[in-house]
Amino acid sequence: MLVVSSREFREKQAEYMDMADNGEQIIVQRGKNKAYSITPITDHDIYFSKEMVEKIERSLSQAKNGEVTQVIGKDALVEFLKNL
């Protein structure tokens, strides 16, 4: 793991990103209490939390099973949203 200052990172961005591409863990320190990890993003990365993925899967299952509420028209939508 390599820890660098934000100023040093700015000066050598390409070098540190190349290191991250090669598996090195790069931490950029910003002030006393802030730090950031430089990590390459791949096609396999998911941008949803585990909880969000579970909620999406549960919703898809409910829709597949017909467990939905059909709302037609503006007034019905307003009424539906009031009851949430």
PDB file of N, CA and C in Angstrom:
ATOM      1  N   MET A   1       0.849  -1.166   0.000  1.00  0.00           N
ATOM      2  CA  MET A   1       0.000   0.000   0.000  1.00  0.00           C
ATOM      3  C   MET A   1       0.894   1.228   0.000  1.00  0.00           C
ATOM      4  N   LEU A   2       0.532   2.187  -0.830  1.00  0.00           N
ATOM      5  CA  LEU A   2       1.283   3.420  -0.953  1.00  0.00           C
ATOM      6  C   LEU A   2       0.376   4.578  -0.566  1.00  0.00           C
ATOM      7  N   VAL A   3       0.813   5.420   0.367  1.00  0.00           N
ATOM      8  CA  VAL A   3       0.052   6.589   0.795  1.00  0.00           C
ATOM      9  C   VAL A   3       0.786   7.827   0.296  1.00  0.00           C
ATOM     10  N   VAL A   4       0.068   8.673  -0.451  1.00  0.00           N
ATOM     11  CA  VAL A   4       0.666   9.889  -0.992  1.00  0.00           C
ATOM     12  C   VAL A   4      -0.208  11.086  -0.641  1.00  0.00           C
ATOM     13  N   SER A   5       0.390  12.268  -0.642  1.00  0.00           N
ATOM     14  CA  SER A   5      -0.376  13.490  -0.391  1.00  0.00           C
ATOM     15  C   SER A   5      -1.170  13.849  -1.646  1.00  0.00           C
ATOM     16  N   SER A   6      -2.206  14.655  -1.476  1.00  0.00           N
ATOM     17  CA  SER A   6      -3.002  15.064  -2.632  1.00  0.00           C
ATOM     18  C   SER A   6      -2.151  15.885  -3.599  1.00  0.00           C
ATOM     19  N   ARG A   7      -1.231  16.677  -3.089  1.00  0.00           N
ATOM     20  CA  ARG A   7      -0.354  17.470  -3.957  1.00  0.00           C
ATOM     21  C   ARG A   7       0.546  16.547  -4.786  1.00  0.00           C
ATOM     22  N   GLU A   8       1.143  15.558  -4.136  1.00  0.00           N
ATOM     23  CA  GLU A   8       1.992  14.612  -4.849  1.00  0.00           C
ATOM     24  C   GLU A   8       1.185  13.838  -5.891  1.00  0.00           C
ATOM     25  N   PHE A   9      -0.043  13.465  -5.531  1.00  0.00           N
ATOM     26  CA  PHE A   9      -0.893  12.751  -6.483  1.00  0.00           C
ATOM     27  C   PHE A   9      -1.168  13.603  -7.711  1.00  0.00           C
ATOM     28  N   ARG A  10      -1.487  14.882  -7.498  1.00  0.00           N
ATOM     29  CA  ARG A  10      -1.753  15.777  -8.636  1.00  0.00           C
ATOM     30  C   ARG A  10      -0.551  15.858  -9.572  1.00  0.00           C
ATOM     31  N   GLU A  11       0.641  15.907  -8.982  1.00  0.00           N
ATOM     32  CA  GLU A  11       1.858  16.052  -9.781  1.00  0.00           C
ATOM     33  C   GLU A  11       2.180  14.791 -10.587  1.00  0.00           C
ATOM     34  N   LYS A  12       1.771  13.611 -10.072  1.00  0.00           N
ATOM     35  CA  LYS A  12       2.151  12.346 -10.713  1.00  0.00           C
ATOM     36  C   LYS A  12       0.944  11.432 -10.926  1.00  0.00           C
ATOM     37  N   GLN A  13      -0.184  12.024 -11.316  1.00  0.00           N
ATOM     38  CA  GLN A  13      -1.418  11.248 -11.467  1.00  0.00           C
ATOM     39  C   GLN A  13      -1.246  10.002 -12.326  1.00  0.00           C
ATOM     40  N   ALA A  14      -0.707  10.174 -13.509  1.00  0.00           N
ATOM     41  CA  ALA A  14      -0.595   9.046 -14.444  1.00  0.00           C
ATOM     42  C   ALA A  14       0.230   7.919 -13.833  1.00  0.00           C
ATOM     43  N   GLU A  15       1.311   8.277 -13.158  1.00  0.00           N
ATOM     44  CA  GLU A  15       2.178   7.263 -12.545  1.00  0.00           C
ATOM     45  C   GLU A  15       1.411   6.459 -11.490  1.00  0.00           C
ATOM     46  N   TYR A  16       0.648   7.157 -10.639  1.00  0.00           N
ATOM     47  CA  TYR A  16      -0.091   6.461  -9.583  1.00  0.00           C
ATOM     48  C   TYR A  16      -1.249   5.643 -10.150  1.00  0.00           C
ATOM     49  N   MET A  17      -1.897   6.145 -11.192  1.00  0.00           N
ATOM     50  CA  MET A  17      -2.975   5.370 -11.811  1.00  0.00           C
ATOM     51  C   MET A  17      -2.424   4.125 -12.489  1.00  0.00           C
ATOM     52  N   ASP A  18      -1.254   4.241 -13.109  1.00  0.00           N
ATOM     53  CA  ASP A  18      -0.614   3.055 -13.689  1.00  0.00           C
ATOM     54  C   ASP A  18      -0.305   2.035 -12.607  1.00  0.00           C
ATOM     55  N   MET A  19       0.155   2.511 -11.455  1.00  0.00           N
ATOM     56  CA  MET A  19       0.456   1.598 -10.343  1.00  0.00           C
ATOM     57  C   MET A  19      -0.827   0.904  -9.878  1.00  0.00           C
ATOM     58  N   ALA A  20      -1.936   1.657  -9.788  1.00  0.00           N
ATOM     59  CA  ALA A  20      -3.217   1.068  -9.385  1.00  0.00           C
ATOM     60  C   ALA A  20      -3.671   0.039 -10.413  1.00  0.00           C
ATOM     61  N   ASP A  21      -3.456   0.331 -11.706  1.00  0.00           N
ATOM     62  CA  ASP A  21      -3.798  -0.629 -12.757  1.00  0.00           C
ATOM     63  C   ASP A  21      -3.029  -1.931 -12.604  1.00  0.00           C
ATOM     64  N   ASN A  22      -1.842  -1.848 -12.016  1.00  0.00           N
ATOM     65  CA  ASN A  22      -0.998  -3.030 -11.825  1.00  0.00           C
ATOM     66  C   ASN A  22      -1.187  -3.685 -10.460  1.00  0.00           C
ATOM     67  N   GLY A  23      -2.259  -3.296  -9.742  1.00  0.00           N
ATOM     68  CA  GLY A  23      -2.601  -3.968  -8.496  1.00  0.00           C
ATOM     69  C   GLY A  23      -2.130  -3.294  -7.231  1.00  0.00           C
ATOM     70  N   GLU A  24      -1.398  -2.190  -7.342  1.00  0.00           N
ATOM     71  CA  GLU A  24      -0.931  -1.473  -6.148  1.00  0.00           C
ATOM     72  C   GLU A  24      -2.099  -0.716  -5.522  1.00  0.00           C
ATOM     73  N   GLN A  25      -2.199  -0.755  -4.205  1.00  0.00           N
ATOM     74  CA  GLN A  25      -3.236  -0.001  -3.511  1.00  0.00           C
ATOM     75  C   GLN A  25      -2.692   1.399  -3.248  1.00  0.00           C
ATOM     76  N   ILE A  26      -3.368   2.407  -3.793  1.00  0.00           N
ATOM     77  CA  ILE A  26      -2.940   3.788  -3.674  1.00  0.00           C
ATOM     78  C   ILE A  26      -3.942   4.537  -2.797  1.00  0.00           C
ATOM     79  N   ILE A  27      -3.441   5.154  -1.736  1.00  0.00           N
ATOM     80  CA  ILE A  27      -4.264   5.973  -0.852  1.00  0.00           C
ATOM     81  C   ILE A  27      -3.789   7.410  -0.987  1.00  0.00           C
ATOM     82  N   VAL A  28      -4.715   8.331  -1.270  1.00  0.00           N
ATOM     83  CA  VAL A  28      -4.384   9.743  -1.369  1.00  0.00           C
ATOM     84  C   VAL A  28      -4.862  10.412  -0.083  1.00  0.00           C
ATOM     85  N   GLN A  29      -3.929  10.969   0.657  1.00  0.00           N
ATOM     86  CA  GLN A  29      -4.223  11.638   1.931  1.00  0.00           C
ATOM     87  C   GLN A  29      -4.514  13.107   1.649  1.00  0.00           C
ATOM     88  N   ARG A  30      -5.651  13.580   2.142  1.00  0.00           N
ATOM     89  CA  ARG A  30      -6.041  14.989   1.972  1.00  0.00           C
ATOM     90  C   ARG A  30      -6.267  15.575   3.349  1.00  0.00           C
ATOM     91  N   GLY A  31      -5.351  16.345   3.814  1.00  0.00           N
ATOM     92  CA  GLY A  31      -5.447  16.894   5.158  1.00  0.00           C
ATOM     93  C   GLY A  31      -5.229  15.798   6.190  1.00  0.00           C
ATOM     94  N   LYS A  32      -5.661  16.080   7.417  1.00  0.00           N
ATOM     95  CA  LYS A  32      -5.446  15.122   8.505  1.00  0.00           C
ATOM     96  C   LYS A  32      -6.441  13.973   8.513  1.00  0.00           C
ATOM     97  N   ASN A  33      -7.695  14.278   8.205  1.00  0.00           N
ATOM     98  CA  ASN A  33      -8.752  13.284   8.435  1.00  0.00           C
ATOM     99  C   ASN A  33      -9.445  12.767   7.184  1.00  0.00           C
ATOM    100  N   LYS A  34      -8.893  13.043   6.010  1.00  0.00           N
ATOM    101  CA  LYS A  34      -9.547  12.577   4.795  1.00  0.00           C
ATOM    102  C   LYS A  34      -8.562  11.778   3.961  1.00  0.00           C
ATOM    103  N   ALA A  35      -9.021  10.648   3.438  1.00  0.00           N
ATOM    104  CA  ALA A  35      -8.190   9.807   2.578  1.00  0.00           C
ATOM    105  C   ALA A  35      -9.081   9.152   1.526  1.00  0.00           C
ATOM    106  N   TYR A  36      -8.499   8.899   0.362  1.00  0.00           N
ATOM    107  CA  TYR A  36      -9.237   8.332  -0.756  1.00  0.00           C
ATOM    108  C   TYR A  36      -8.429   7.200  -1.359  1.00  0.00           C
ATOM    109  N   SER A  37      -9.123   6.158  -1.771  1.00  0.00           N
ATOM    110  CA  SER A  37      -8.481   5.011  -2.386  1.00  0.00           C
ATOM    111  C   SER A  37      -8.620   5.120  -3.901  1.00  0.00           C
ATOM    112  N   ILE A  38      -7.521   4.917  -4.620  1.00  0.00           N
ATOM    113  CA  ILE A  38      -7.553   4.932  -6.075  1.00  0.00           C
ATOM    114  C   ILE A  38      -7.651   3.486  -6.546  1.00  0.00           C
ATOM    115  N   THR A  39      -8.778   3.157  -7.179  1.00  0.00           N
ATOM    116  CA  THR A  39      -9.056   1.792  -7.600  1.00  0.00           C
ATOM    117  C   THR A  39      -9.596   1.797  -9.023  1.00  0.00           C
ATOM    118  N   PRO A  40      -9.030   0.997  -9.903  1.00  0.00           N
ATOM    119  CA  PRO A  40      -9.578   0.923 -11.254  1.00  0.00           C
ATOM    120  C   PRO A  40     -10.969   0.287 -11.239  1.00  0.00           C
ATOM    121  N   ILE A  41     -11.830   0.757 -12.109  1.00  0.00           N
ATOM    122  CA  ILE A  41     -13.178   0.207 -12.231  1.00  0.00           C
ATOM    123  C   ILE A  41     -13.182  -0.751 -13.418  1.00  0.00           C
ATOM    124  N   THR A  42     -13.788  -1.916 -13.215  1.00  0.00           N
ATOM    125  CA  THR A  42     -13.856  -2.909 -14.282  1.00  0.00           C
ATOM    126  C   THR A  42     -15.307  -3.102 -14.723  1.00  0.00           C
ATOM    127  N   ASP A  43     -15.493  -3.881 -15.762  1.00  0.00           N
ATOM    128  CA  ASP A  43     -16.843  -4.167 -16.250  1.00  0.00           C
ATOM    129  C   ASP A  43     -17.664  -4.956 -15.236  1.00  0.00           C
ATOM    130  N   HIS A  44     -17.013  -5.589 -14.272  1.00  0.00           N
ATOM    131  CA  HIS A  44     -17.711  -6.430 -13.299  1.00  0.00           C
ATOM    132  C   HIS A  44     -18.128  -5.671 -12.043  1.00  0.00           C
ATOM    133  N   ASP A  45     -17.746  -4.399 -11.942  1.00  0.00           N
ATOM    134  CA  ASP A  45     -18.110  -3.625 -10.759  1.00  0.00           C
ATOM    135  C   ASP A  45     -19.595  -3.311 -10.761  1.00  0.00           C
ATOM    136  N   ILE A  46     -20.189  -3.386  -9.590  1.00  0.00           N
ATOM    137  CA  ILE A  46     -21.605  -3.061  -9.411  1.00  0.00           C
ATOM    138  C   ILE A  46     -21.676  -1.790  -8.586  1.00  0.00           C
ATOM    139  N   TYR A  47     -22.498  -0.871  -9.013  1.00  0.00           N
ATOM    140  CA  TYR A  47     -22.583   0.418  -8.354  1.00  0.00           C
ATOM    141  C   TYR A  47     -23.718   0.486  -7.337  1.00  0.00           C
ATOM    142  N   PHE A  48     -24.345  -0.639  -7.053  1.00  0.00           N
ATOM    143  CA  PHE A  48     -25.416  -0.678  -6.079  1.00  0.00           C
ATOM    144  C   PHE A  48     -24.939  -1.398  -4.827  1.00  0.00           C
ATOM    145  N   SER A  49     -25.448  -0.982  -3.692  1.00  0.00           N
ATOM    146  CA  SER A  49     -25.139  -1.688  -2.450  1.00  0.00           C
ATOM    147  C   SER A  49     -25.833  -3.049  -2.474  1.00  0.00           C
ATOM    148  N   LYS A  50     -25.398  -3.932  -1.595  1.00  0.00           N
ATOM    149  CA  LYS A  50     -26.007  -5.257  -1.488  1.00  0.00           C
ATOM    150  C   LYS A  50     -27.502  -5.128  -1.188  1.00  0.00           C
ATOM    151  N   GLU A  51     -27.859  -4.194  -0.314  1.00  0.00           N
ATOM    152  CA  GLU A  51     -29.256  -3.996   0.057  1.00  0.00           C
ATOM    153  C   GLU A  51     -30.088  -3.540  -1.142  1.00  0.00           C
ATOM    154  N   MET A  52     -29.511  -2.658  -1.979  1.00  0.00           N
ATOM    155  CA  MET A  52     -30.244  -2.175  -3.142  1.00  0.00           C
ATOM    156  C   MET A  52     -30.466  -3.304  -4.148  1.00  0.00           C
ATOM    157  N   VAL A  53     -29.469  -4.141  -4.358  1.00  0.00           N
ATOM    158  CA  VAL A  53     -29.609  -5.278  -5.272  1.00  0.00           C
ATOM    159  C   VAL A  53     -30.702  -6.209  -4.763  1.00  0.00           C
ATOM    160  N   GLU A  54     -30.738  -6.472  -3.457  1.00  0.00           N
ATOM    161  CA  GLU A  54     -31.778  -7.332  -2.877  1.00  0.00           C
ATOM    162  C   GLU A  54     -33.155  -6.719  -3.074  1.00  0.00           C
ATOM    163  N   LYS A  55     -33.269  -5.406  -2.895  1.00  0.00           N
ATOM    164  CA  LYS A  55     -34.554  -4.727  -3.066  1.00  0.00           C
ATOM    165  C   LYS A  55     -35.013  -4.808  -4.524  1.00  0.00           C
ATOM    166  N   ILE A  56     -34.105  -4.628  -5.454  1.00  0.00           N
ATOM    167  CA  ILE A  56     -34.445  -4.734  -6.880  1.00  0.00           C
ATOM    168  C   ILE A  56     -34.908  -6.147  -7.211  1.00  0.00           C
ATOM    169  N   GLU A  57     -34.183  -7.151  -6.720  1.00  0.00           N
ATOM    170  CA  GLU A  57     -34.562  -8.543  -6.977  1.00  0.00           C
ATOM    171  C   GLU A  57     -35.930  -8.853  -6.383  1.00  0.00           C
ATOM    172  N   ARG A  58     -36.205  -8.369  -5.177  1.00  0.00           N
ATOM    173  CA  ARG A  58     -37.504  -8.588  -4.527  1.00  0.00           C
ATOM    174  C   ARG A  58     -38.618  -7.914  -5.338  1.00  0.00           C
ATOM    175  N   SER A  59     -38.352  -6.705  -5.824  1.00  0.00           N
ATOM    176  CA  SER A  59     -39.343  -5.985  -6.630  1.00  0.00           C
ATOM    177  C   SER A  59     -39.624  -6.700  -7.943  1.00  0.00           C
ATOM    178  N   LEU A  60     -38.580  -7.214  -8.585  1.00  0.00           N
ATOM    179  CA  LEU A  60     -38.774  -7.961  -9.825  1.00  0.00           C
ATOM    180  C   LEU A  60     -39.617  -9.206  -9.588  1.00  0.00           C
ATOM    181  N   SER A  61     -39.363  -9.883  -8.480  1.00  0.00           N
ATOM    182  CA  SER A  61     -40.131 -11.077  -8.141  1.00  0.00           C
ATOM    183  C   SER A  61     -41.598 -10.720  -7.893  1.00  0.00           C
ATOM    184  N   GLN A  62     -41.843  -9.638  -7.169  1.00  0.00           N
ATOM    185  CA  GLN A  62     -43.214  -9.199  -6.910  1.00  0.00           C
ATOM    186  C   GLN A  62     -43.934  -8.872  -8.210  1.00  0.00           C
ATOM    187  N   ALA A  63     -43.251  -8.181  -9.120  1.00  0.00           N
ATOM    188  CA  ALA A  63     -43.864  -7.830 -10.400  1.00  0.00           C
ATOM    189  C   ALA A  63     -44.178  -9.080 -11.202  1.00  0.00           C
ATOM    190  N   LYS A  64     -43.267 -10.032 -11.197  1.00  0.00           N
ATOM    191  CA  LYS A  64     -43.472 -11.289 -11.929  1.00  0.00           C
ATOM    192  C   LYS A  64     -44.675 -12.052 -11.391  1.00  0.00           C
ATOM    193  N   ASN A  65     -44.899 -11.972 -10.080  1.00  0.00           N
ATOM    194  CA  ASN A  65     -46.006 -12.676  -9.433  1.00  0.00           C
ATOM    195  C   ASN A  65     -47.306 -11.869  -9.441  1.00  0.00           C
ATOM    196  N   GLY A  66     -47.278 -10.712 -10.085  1.00  0.00           N
ATOM    197  CA  GLY A  66     -48.493  -9.905 -10.164  1.00  0.00           C
ATOM    198  C   GLY A  66     -48.788  -9.108  -8.907  1.00  0.00           C
ATOM    199  N   GLU A  67     -47.849  -9.023  -7.999  1.00  0.00           N
ATOM    200  CA  GLU A  67     -48.039  -8.279  -6.744  1.00  0.00           C
ATOM    201  C   GLU A  67     -47.685  -6.817  -6.971  1.00  0.00           C
ATOM    202  N   VAL A  68     -48.537  -6.145  -7.739  1.00  0.00           N
ATOM    203  CA  VAL A  68     -48.294  -4.753  -8.097  1.00  0.00           C
ATOM    204  C   VAL A  68     -49.554  -3.933  -7.858  1.00  0.00           C
ATOM    205  N   THR A  69     -49.381  -2.637  -7.820  1.00  0.00           N
ATOM    206  CA  THR A  69     -50.507  -1.714  -7.738  1.00  0.00           C
ATOM    207  C   THR A  69     -50.531  -0.916  -9.020  1.00  0.00           C
ATOM    208  N   GLN A  70     -51.620  -0.985  -9.737  1.00  0.00           N
ATOM    209  CA  GLN A  70     -51.745  -0.257 -10.985  1.00  0.00           C
ATOM    210  C   GLN A  70     -52.372   1.097 -10.694  1.00  0.00           C
ATOM    211  N   VAL A  71     -51.723   2.144 -11.164  1.00  0.00           N
ATOM    212  CA  VAL A  71     -52.202   3.511 -10.956  1.00  0.00           C
ATOM    213  C   VAL A  71     -52.415   4.132 -12.328  1.00  0.00           C
ATOM    214  N   ILE A  72     -53.621   4.588 -12.582  1.00  0.00           N
ATOM    215  CA  ILE A  72     -53.945   5.183 -13.881  1.00  0.00           C
ATOM    216  C   ILE A  72     -54.452   6.599 -13.648  1.00  0.00           C
ATOM    217  N   GLY A  73     -53.769   7.540 -14.220  1.00  0.00           N
ATOM    218  CA  GLY A  73     -54.195   8.934 -14.136  1.00  0.00           C
ATOM    219  C   GLY A  73     -53.523   9.691 -12.998  1.00  0.00           C
ATOM    220  N   LYS A  74     -53.505  10.997 -13.167  1.00  0.00           N
ATOM    221  CA  LYS A  74     -52.842  11.893 -12.219  1.00  0.00           C
ATOM    222  C   LYS A  74     -53.478  11.826 -10.833  1.00  0.00           C
ATOM    223  N   ASP A  75     -54.801  11.877 -10.765  1.00  0.00           N
ATOM    224  CA  ASP A  75     -55.478  11.867  -9.465  1.00  0.00           C
ATOM    225  C   ASP A  75     -55.202  10.576  -8.705  1.00  0.00           C
ATOM    226  N   ALA A  76     -55.224   9.468  -9.406  1.00  0.00           N
ATOM    227  CA  ALA A  76     -54.943   8.180  -8.765  1.00  0.00           C
ATOM    228  C   ALA A  76     -53.495   8.132  -8.280  1.00  0.00           C
ATOM    229  N   LEU A  77     -52.587   8.719  -9.046  1.00  0.00           N
ATOM    230  CA  LEU A  77     -51.184   8.756  -8.623  1.00  0.00           C
ATOM    231  C   LEU A  77     -51.009   9.602  -7.362  1.00  0.00           C
ATOM    232  N   VAL A  78     -51.634  10.762  -7.343  1.00  0.00           N
ATOM    233  CA  VAL A  78     -51.554  11.627  -6.159  1.00  0.00           C
ATOM    234  C   VAL A  78     -52.099  10.906  -4.937  1.00  0.00           C
ATOM    235  N   GLU A  79     -53.217  10.218  -5.095  1.00  0.00           N
ATOM    236  CA  GLU A  79     -53.838   9.482  -3.980  1.00  0.00           C
ATOM    237  C   GLU A  79     -52.923   8.342  -3.520  1.00  0.00           C
ATOM    238  N   PHE A  80     -52.345   7.632  -4.468  1.00  0.00           N
ATOM    239  CA  PHE A  80     -51.425   6.542  -4.137  1.00  0.00           C
ATOM    240  C   PHE A  80     -50.229   7.046  -3.353  1.00  0.00           C
ATOM    241  N   LEU A  81     -49.654   8.150  -3.801  1.00  0.00           N
ATOM    242  CA  LEU A  81     -48.473   8.691  -3.131  1.00  0.00           C
ATOM    243  C   LEU A  81     -48.787   9.225  -1.736  1.00  0.00           C
ATOM    244  N   LYS A  82     -49.976   9.704  -1.521  1.00  0.00           N
ATOM    245  CA  LYS A  82     -50.388  10.171  -0.188  1.00  0.00           C
ATOM    246  C   LYS A  82     -50.404   9.032   0.812  1.00  0.00           C
ATOM    247  N   ASN A  83     -50.696   7.837   0.335  1.00  0.00           N
ATOM    248  CA  ASN A  83     -50.834   6.679   1.228  1.00  0.00           C
ATOM    249  C   ASN A  83     -49.536   5.921   1.461  1.00  0.00           C
ATOM    250  N   LEU A  84     -48.443   6.380   0.918  1.00  0.00           N
ATOM    251  CA  LEU A  84     -47.162   5.684   1.134  1.00  0.00           C
ATOM    252  C   LEU A  84     -46.626   5.908   2.515  1.00  0.00           C
TER     253      LEU A  84
END
